[in-house]
Amino acid sequence: MKSIFETSTRDELRSRINSLQQGTPAQWGKMNLYQMLKHCTLCEDMFLGELKIKRVFIGRIIGPGFLKKVLKDDAPFGKNSPTSPLLKETKENGDIQLQKEEWLNRIEKYATFNNNTFVHPFFGPMTKEQMGLFAYKHADHHLRQFGA
């Protein structure tokens, strides 16, 4: 399985992010391109420890089991998975190129990742290995959403 901690995986993600263009339509979901890019940047901030979000109660009960299921194989995330309101962009429009650059900057930070105490708001505490797999699968999910 691919991990965001692998240089080749980050290279792949950079290429896919750079392929996105203004006007690229979503193949599913409610986010437009700008909102997806902003969402992914916010998620990377959370994964990297720069944005803290409290655990949700239901996640404390069922989150760890769902994490195991999500990370058991290479299967992509399902379409239309729920998103925390704290990680949603409500603005309809913004600078696509700037958001791509912001996301790319966050992706690069995984080369020196040191957030070994990451706690996902739903899934709970994650090891570095789990983080690497999850961060890749999340980025892959949204890039697939826009055909990249």
C-alpha atoms as a PDB file:
ATOM      1  CA  MET A   1       0.000   0.000   0.000  1.00  0.00           C
ATOM      2  CA  LYS A   2       1.145   3.519  -0.714  1.00  0.00           C
ATOM      3  CA  SER A   3       2.245   5.847   2.055  1.00  0.00           C
ATOM      4  CA  ILE A   4       2.609   9.600   1.901  1.00  0.00           C
ATOM      5  CA  PHE A   5       5.986   9.160   3.588  1.00  0.00           C
ATOM      6  CA  GLU A   6       7.412   7.601   0.417  1.00  0.00           C
ATOM      7  CA  THR A   7       9.108  10.067  -1.936  1.00  0.00           C
ATOM      8  CA  SER A   8       7.676   8.333  -5.012  1.00  0.00           C
ATOM      9  CA  THR A   9       4.154   8.612  -3.600  1.00  0.00           C
ATOM     10  CA  ARG A  10       4.570  12.328  -2.894  1.00  0.00           C
ATOM     11  CA  ASP A  11       5.912  12.747  -6.454  1.00  0.00           C
ATOM     12  CA  GLU A  12       2.801  11.010  -7.810  1.00  0.00           C
ATOM     13  CA  LEU A  13       0.523  13.235  -5.744  1.00  0.00           C
ATOM     14  CA  ARG A  14       2.351  16.376  -6.913  1.00  0.00           C
ATOM     15  CA  SER A  15       1.865  15.356 -10.531  1.00  0.00           C
ATOM     16  CA  ARG A  16      -1.826  14.603 -10.015  1.00  0.00           C
ATOM     17  CA  ILE A  17      -2.441  17.873  -8.146  1.00  0.00           C
ATOM     18  CA  ASN A  18      -0.663  19.828 -10.874  1.00  0.00           C
ATOM     19  CA  SER A  19      -2.911  18.211 -13.503  1.00  0.00           C
ATOM     20  CA  LEU A  20      -6.008  19.863 -12.005  1.00  0.00           C
ATOM     21  CA  GLN A  21      -7.228  22.880 -13.965  1.00  0.00           C
ATOM     22  CA  GLN A  22      -9.797  25.626 -13.402  1.00  0.00           C
ATOM     23  CA  GLY A  23     -13.172  24.257 -14.437  1.00  0.00           C
ATOM     24  CA  THR A  24     -12.339  20.595 -13.805  1.00  0.00           C
ATOM     25  CA  PRO A  25     -15.712  19.112 -12.787  1.00  0.00           C
ATOM     26  CA  ALA A  26     -16.259  16.751  -9.882  1.00  0.00           C
ATOM     27  CA  GLN A  27     -17.246  13.218 -10.860  1.00  0.00           C
ATOM     28  CA  TRP A  28     -19.177  12.888  -7.593  1.00  0.00           C
ATOM     29  CA  GLY A  29     -19.832  14.780  -4.381  1.00  0.00           C
ATOM     30  CA  LYS A  30     -20.858  18.314  -3.502  1.00  0.00           C
ATOM     31  CA  MET A  31     -17.491  20.105  -3.531  1.00  0.00           C
ATOM     32  CA  ASN A  32     -16.246  22.089  -6.479  1.00  0.00           C
ATOM     33  CA  LEU A  33     -12.539  22.132  -7.322  1.00  0.00           C
ATOM     34  CA  TYR A  34     -11.693  25.113  -5.128  1.00  0.00           C
ATOM     35  CA  GLN A  35     -13.571  23.662  -2.155  1.00  0.00           C
ATOM     36  CA  MET A  36     -11.855  20.289  -2.566  1.00  0.00           C
ATOM     37  CA  LEU A  37      -8.402  21.886  -2.714  1.00  0.00           C
ATOM     38  CA  LYS A  38      -9.118  23.975   0.381  1.00  0.00           C
ATOM     39  CA  HIS A  39     -10.544  20.924   2.188  1.00  0.00           C
ATOM     40  CA  CYS A  40      -7.430  18.893   1.416  1.00  0.00           C
ATOM     41  CA  THR A  41      -5.172  21.713   2.611  1.00  0.00           C
ATOM     42  CA  LEU A  42      -7.119  21.897   5.884  1.00  0.00           C
ATOM     43  CA  CYS A  43      -6.898  18.110   6.284  1.00  0.00           C
ATOM     44  CA  GLU A  44      -3.133  18.164   5.726  1.00  0.00           C
ATOM     45  CA  ASP A  45      -2.904  20.888   8.398  1.00  0.00           C
ATOM     46  CA  MET A  46      -4.779  18.559  10.745  1.00  0.00           C
ATOM     47  CA  PHE A  47      -2.627  15.526   9.882  1.00  0.00           C
ATOM     48  CA  LEU A  48       0.549  17.571  10.308  1.00  0.00           C
ATOM     49  CA  GLY A  49      -0.567  18.793  13.739  1.00  0.00           C
ATOM     50  CA  GLU A  50      -1.103  22.423  12.741  1.00  0.00           C
ATOM     51  CA  LEU A  51      -4.900  22.260  13.177  1.00  0.00           C
ATOM     52  CA  LYS A  52      -6.448  20.559  16.209  1.00  0.00           C
ATOM     53  CA  ILE A  53      -9.979  19.161  16.093  1.00  0.00           C
ATOM     54  CA  LYS A  54     -11.624  17.546  19.116  1.00  0.00           C
ATOM     55  CA  ARG A  55     -12.720  13.913  18.998  1.00  0.00           C
ATOM     56  CA  VAL A  56     -16.352  13.218  18.271  1.00  0.00           C
ATOM     57  CA  PHE A  57     -18.164  10.961  20.708  1.00  0.00           C
ATOM     58  CA  ILE A  58     -19.298   8.347  18.188  1.00  0.00           C
ATOM     59  CA  GLY A  59     -15.731   8.079  16.914  1.00  0.00           C
ATOM     60  CA  ARG A  60     -14.529   7.086  20.370  1.00  0.00           C
ATOM     61  CA  ILE A  61     -16.879   4.115  20.186  1.00  0.00           C
ATOM     62  CA  ILE A  62     -16.578   2.912  16.584  1.00  0.00           C
ATOM     63  CA  GLY A  63     -13.661   4.876  15.098  1.00  0.00           C
ATOM     64  CA  PRO A  64     -10.842   2.363  15.681  1.00  0.00           C
ATOM     65  CA  GLY A  65     -12.825  -0.442  14.023  1.00  0.00           C
ATOM     66  CA  PHE A  66     -13.561   1.720  11.005  1.00  0.00           C
ATOM     67  CA  LEU A  67      -9.879   2.708  10.768  1.00  0.00           C
ATOM     68  CA  LYS A  68      -8.878  -0.959  10.527  1.00  0.00           C
ATOM     69  CA  LYS A  69     -11.437  -1.479   7.768  1.00  0.00           C
ATOM     70  CA  VAL A  70     -10.298   1.610   5.826  1.00  0.00           C
ATOM     71  CA  LEU A  71      -6.610   0.656   5.987  1.00  0.00           C
ATOM     72  CA  LYS A  72      -6.891  -3.109   5.439  1.00  0.00           C
ATOM     73  CA  ASP A  73      -6.176  -2.904   1.691  1.00  0.00           C
ATOM     74  CA  ASP A  74      -5.536  -0.618  -1.278  1.00  0.00           C
ATOM     75  CA  ALA A  75      -9.232  -0.054  -1.978  1.00  0.00           C
ATOM     76  CA  PRO A  76     -10.021   3.650  -2.353  1.00  0.00           C
ATOM     77  CA  PHE A  77     -12.358   5.430   0.050  1.00  0.00           C
ATOM     78  CA  GLY A  78     -16.023   5.216  -0.852  1.00  0.00           C
ATOM     79  CA  LYS A  79     -17.682   8.061  -2.706  1.00  0.00           C
ATOM     80  CA  ASN A  80     -19.600  10.694  -0.749  1.00  0.00           C
ATOM     81  CA  SER A  81     -18.004   9.917   2.614  1.00  0.00           C
ATOM     82  CA  PRO A  82     -19.023  12.380   5.348  1.00  0.00           C
ATOM     83  CA  THR A  83     -16.784  15.396   6.007  1.00  0.00           C
ATOM     84  CA  SER A  84     -16.393  17.283   9.272  1.00  0.00           C
ATOM     85  CA  PRO A  85     -17.977  20.736   9.025  1.00  0.00           C
ATOM     86  CA  LEU A  86     -14.693  22.111  10.401  1.00  0.00           C
ATOM     87  CA  LEU A  87     -12.898  20.840   7.279  1.00  0.00           C
ATOM     88  CA  LYS A  88     -15.427  22.100   4.716  1.00  0.00           C
ATOM     89  CA  GLU A  89     -14.913  25.212   2.639  1.00  0.00           C
ATOM     90  CA  THR A  90     -18.167  27.106   2.163  1.00  0.00           C
ATOM     91  CA  LYS A  91     -16.804  29.758  -0.193  1.00  0.00           C
ATOM     92  CA  GLU A  92     -17.740  28.861  -3.751  1.00  0.00           C
ATOM     93  CA  ASN A  93     -14.748  30.446  -5.467  1.00  0.00           C
ATOM     94  CA  GLY A  94     -11.125  31.194  -4.815  1.00  0.00           C
ATOM     95  CA  ASP A  95      -7.672  31.107  -6.320  1.00  0.00           C
ATOM     96  CA  ILE A  96      -7.249  27.559  -7.685  1.00  0.00           C
ATOM     97  CA  GLN A  97      -3.527  27.975  -8.379  1.00  0.00           C
ATOM     98  CA  LEU A  98      -2.857  29.302  -4.868  1.00  0.00           C
ATOM     99  CA  GLN A  99      -4.752  26.400  -3.300  1.00  0.00           C
ATOM    100  CA  LYS A 100      -2.823  23.894  -5.398  1.00  0.00           C
ATOM    101  CA  GLU A 101       0.441  25.481  -4.211  1.00  0.00           C
ATOM    102  CA  GLU A 102      -0.754  25.443  -0.601  1.00  0.00           C
ATOM    103  CA  TRP A 103      -1.640  21.738  -0.847  1.00  0.00           C
ATOM    104  CA  LEU A 104       1.681  20.943  -2.534  1.00  0.00           C
ATOM    105  CA  ASN A 105       3.530  22.758   0.265  1.00  0.00           C
ATOM    106  CA  ARG A 106       1.733  20.625   2.856  1.00  0.00           C
ATOM    107  CA  ILE A 107       2.511  17.416   0.943  1.00  0.00           C
ATOM    108  CA  GLU A 108       6.216  18.304   1.050  1.00  0.00           C
ATOM    109  CA  LYS A 109       6.107  18.574   4.858  1.00  0.00           C
ATOM    110  CA  TYR A 110       5.630  14.810   5.113  1.00  0.00           C
ATOM    111  CA  ALA A 111       9.317  14.411   4.240  1.00  0.00           C
ATOM    112  CA  THR A 112      10.040  15.653   7.789  1.00  0.00           C
ATOM    113  CA  PHE A 113       6.838  14.510   9.525  1.00  0.00           C
ATOM    114  CA  ASN A 114       7.029  14.464  13.313  1.00  0.00           C
ATOM    115  CA  ASN A 115       3.403  14.419  14.537  1.00  0.00           C
ATOM    116  CA  ASN A 116       3.676  10.987  16.158  1.00  0.00           C
ATOM    117  CA  THR A 117       0.827  11.729  18.573  1.00  0.00           C
ATOM    118  CA  PHE A 118      -1.827  12.420  15.940  1.00  0.00           C
ATOM    119  CA  VAL A 119      -5.412  11.767  17.020  1.00  0.00           C
ATOM    120  CA  HIS A 120      -7.994  11.793  14.235  1.00  0.00           C
ATOM    121  CA  PRO A 121     -11.321  13.347  15.329  1.00  0.00           C
ATOM    122  CA  PHE A 122     -13.230  10.198  14.294  1.00  0.00           C
ATOM    123  CA  PHE A 123     -10.730   7.321  14.034  1.00  0.00           C
ATOM    124  CA  GLY A 124      -8.714   8.215  17.128  1.00  0.00           C
ATOM    125  CA  PRO A 125      -4.966   7.781  17.754  1.00  0.00           C
ATOM    126  CA  MET A 126      -2.999   6.722  14.695  1.00  0.00           C
ATOM    127  CA  THR A 127       0.516   5.364  14.365  1.00  0.00           C
ATOM    128  CA  LYS A 128       2.902   6.975  11.913  1.00  0.00           C
ATOM    129  CA  GLU A 129       2.382   4.038   9.545  1.00  0.00           C
ATOM    130  CA  GLN A 130      -1.395   4.419   9.720  1.00  0.00           C
ATOM    131  CA  MET A 131      -1.034   8.174   9.162  1.00  0.00           C
ATOM    132  CA  GLY A 132       1.030   7.618   6.037  1.00  0.00           C
ATOM    133  CA  LEU A 133      -1.505   5.223   4.546  1.00  0.00           C
ATOM    134  CA  PHE A 134      -4.507   7.315   5.552  1.00  0.00           C
ATOM    135  CA  ALA A 135      -3.094  10.640   4.307  1.00  0.00           C
ATOM    136  CA  TYR A 136      -2.366   9.057   0.925  1.00  0.00           C
ATOM    137  CA  LYS A 137      -5.796   7.422   0.672  1.00  0.00           C
ATOM    138  CA  HIS A 138      -7.492  10.709   1.543  1.00  0.00           C
ATOM    139  CA  ALA A 139      -5.562  12.653  -1.107  1.00  0.00           C
ATOM    140  CA  ASP A 140      -6.121   9.866  -3.640  1.00  0.00           C
ATOM    141  CA  HIS A 141      -9.864   9.890  -2.917  1.00  0.00           C
ATOM    142  CA  HIS A 142     -10.200  13.586  -3.701  1.00  0.00           C
ATOM    143  CA  LEU A 143      -7.936  13.475  -6.720  1.00  0.00           C
ATOM    144  CA  ARG A 144     -10.045  10.616  -8.125  1.00  0.00           C
ATOM    145  CA  GLN A 145     -13.111  12.738  -7.389  1.00  0.00           C
ATOM    146  CA  PHE A 146     -11.772  15.207  -9.981  1.00  0.00           C
ATOM    147  CA  GLY A 147     -10.392  12.661 -12.440  1.00  0.00           C
ATOM    148  CA  ALA A 148      -6.732  13.177 -11.528  1.00  0.00           C
END
